[in-house]
Amino acid sequence: MAAVIKVNKNLIARIWKEADLKPHRLERYMASNDPQFEEKATAMIRLYLNPAQNAAVFCVDEKSAIKLWTG
């Protein structure tokens, strides 16, 4: 990340530490049992890689244990 935005890697490390971000750690992996997972994932990746001009992409992390919707 530091190389891409052309800043010192120590700055990135300090920002991540202050925000308690640990992108290098994977605590667990949950495979989806959704039969359309591959199709949905492909569509999302395409949006991120080639968004429409002036587009906004929102990603919601679905928690299967939470079933309450307060919208």
C-alpha atoms as a PDB file:
ATOM      1  CA  MET A   1       0.000   0.000   0.000  1.00  0.00           C
ATOM      2  CA  ALA A   2       2.798   2.398   0.871  1.00  0.00           C
ATOM      3  CA  ALA A   3       4.445   1.888  -2.503  1.00  0.00           C
ATOM      4  CA  VAL A   4       1.198   2.459  -4.384  1.00  0.00           C
ATOM      5  CA  ILE A   5       0.417   5.767  -2.665  1.00  0.00           C
ATOM      6  CA  LYS A   6       4.116   6.689  -2.423  1.00  0.00           C
ATOM      7  CA  VAL A   7       4.461   7.134   1.336  1.00  0.00           C
ATOM      8  CA  ASN A   8       6.773   5.620   3.900  1.00  0.00           C
ATOM      9  CA  LYS A   9       5.772   2.103   4.973  1.00  0.00           C
ATOM     10  CA  ASN A  10       6.176   3.150   8.618  1.00  0.00           C
ATOM     11  CA  LEU A  11       3.389   5.695   8.163  1.00  0.00           C
ATOM     12  CA  ILE A  12       1.061   2.982   6.898  1.00  0.00           C
ATOM     13  CA  ALA A  13       2.054   0.698   9.772  1.00  0.00           C
ATOM     14  CA  ARG A  14       1.372   3.464  12.307  1.00  0.00           C
ATOM     15  CA  ILE A  15      -2.040   4.279  10.793  1.00  0.00           C
ATOM     16  CA  TRP A  16      -3.027   0.607  10.773  1.00  0.00           C
ATOM     17  CA  LYS A  17      -1.865   0.191  14.358  1.00  0.00           C
ATOM     18  CA  GLU A  18      -3.783   3.264  15.568  1.00  0.00           C
ATOM     19  CA  ALA A  19      -6.917   1.998  13.814  1.00  0.00           C
ATOM     20  CA  ASP A  20      -6.332  -1.578  15.048  1.00  0.00           C
ATOM     21  CA  LEU A  21      -6.320  -2.836  11.454  1.00  0.00           C
ATOM     22  CA  LYS A  22      -4.643  -6.157  10.756  1.00  0.00           C
ATOM     23  CA  PRO A  23      -5.118  -6.886   7.056  1.00  0.00           C
ATOM     24  CA  HIS A  24      -2.384  -9.521   7.140  1.00  0.00           C
ATOM     25  CA  ARG A  25      -4.262 -11.660   9.680  1.00  0.00           C
ATOM     26  CA  LEU A  26      -6.939 -14.119   8.791  1.00  0.00           C
ATOM     27  CA  GLU A  27      -8.769 -15.278  11.888  1.00  0.00           C
ATOM     28  CA  ARG A  28     -11.195 -17.563  10.112  1.00  0.00           C
ATOM     29  CA  TYR A  29     -12.610 -18.359   6.733  1.00  0.00           C
ATOM     30  CA  MET A  30     -16.227 -19.222   6.161  1.00  0.00           C
ATOM     31  CA  ALA A  31     -17.072 -20.812   2.836  1.00  0.00           C
ATOM     32  CA  SER A  32     -20.433 -19.867   1.413  1.00  0.00           C
ATOM     33  CA  ASN A  33     -23.019 -22.553   0.777  1.00  0.00           C
ATOM     34  CA  ASP A  34     -24.921 -20.221  -1.560  1.00  0.00           C
ATOM     35  CA  PRO A  35     -25.306 -22.008  -4.920  1.00  0.00           C
ATOM     36  CA  GLN A  36     -25.013 -18.613  -6.667  1.00  0.00           C
ATOM     37  CA  PHE A  37     -21.917 -17.525  -4.707  1.00  0.00           C
ATOM     38  CA  GLU A  38     -19.504 -17.662  -7.635  1.00  0.00           C
ATOM     39  CA  GLU A  39     -21.852 -15.670  -9.867  1.00  0.00           C
ATOM     40  CA  LYS A  40     -22.450 -13.037  -7.155  1.00  0.00           C
ATOM     41  CA  ALA A  41     -18.761 -12.764  -6.272  1.00  0.00           C
ATOM     42  CA  THR A  42     -17.842 -12.340  -9.933  1.00  0.00           C
ATOM     43  CA  ALA A  43     -20.381  -9.540 -10.317  1.00  0.00           C
ATOM     44  CA  MET A  44     -19.056  -7.737  -7.219  1.00  0.00           C
ATOM     45  CA  ILE A  45     -15.436  -8.068  -8.312  1.00  0.00           C
ATOM     46  CA  ARG A  46     -16.325  -6.654 -11.739  1.00  0.00           C
ATOM     47  CA  LEU A  47     -17.942  -3.629 -10.053  1.00  0.00           C
ATOM     48  CA  TYR A  48     -14.818  -2.963  -8.020  1.00  0.00           C
ATOM     49  CA  LEU A  49     -12.427  -3.440 -10.926  1.00  0.00           C
ATOM     50  CA  ASN A  50     -14.429  -1.529 -13.510  1.00  0.00           C
ATOM     51  CA  PRO A  51     -16.995   0.751 -11.832  1.00  0.00           C
ATOM     52  CA  ALA A  52     -19.323   2.917 -13.871  1.00  0.00           C
ATOM     53  CA  GLN A  53     -18.407   6.591 -13.891  1.00  0.00           C
ATOM     54  CA  ASN A  54     -19.724   8.353 -10.749  1.00  0.00           C
ATOM     55  CA  ALA A  55     -20.802   5.003  -9.319  1.00  0.00           C
ATOM     56  CA  ALA A  56     -20.913   4.145  -5.647  1.00  0.00           C
ATOM     57  CA  VAL A  57     -20.519   0.543  -4.548  1.00  0.00           C
ATOM     58  CA  PHE A  58     -21.732  -0.457  -1.102  1.00  0.00           C
ATOM     59  CA  CYS A  59     -20.722  -3.747   0.435  1.00  0.00           C
ATOM     60  CA  VAL A  60     -22.627  -5.183   3.378  1.00  0.00           C
ATOM     61  CA  ASP A  61     -21.145  -7.937   5.469  1.00  0.00           C
ATOM     62  CA  GLU A  62     -24.023 -10.307   6.090  1.00  0.00           C
ATOM     63  CA  LYS A  63     -24.024 -11.936   9.490  1.00  0.00           C
ATOM     64  CA  SER A  64     -26.033 -15.145   9.228  1.00  0.00           C
ATOM     65  CA  ALA A  65     -26.729 -15.190  12.972  1.00  0.00           C
ATOM     66  CA  ILE A  66     -28.390 -11.757  12.848  1.00  0.00           C
ATOM     67  CA  LYS A  67     -31.909 -11.886  11.442  1.00  0.00           C
ATOM     68  CA  LEU A  68     -33.266  -8.543  12.689  1.00  0.00           C
ATOM     69  CA  TRP A  69     -33.775  -5.784  10.109  1.00  0.00           C
ATOM     70  CA  THR A  70     -34.394  -2.306  11.472  1.00  0.00           C
ATOM     71  CA  GLY A  71     -34.590  -0.340   8.240  1.00  0.00           C
END
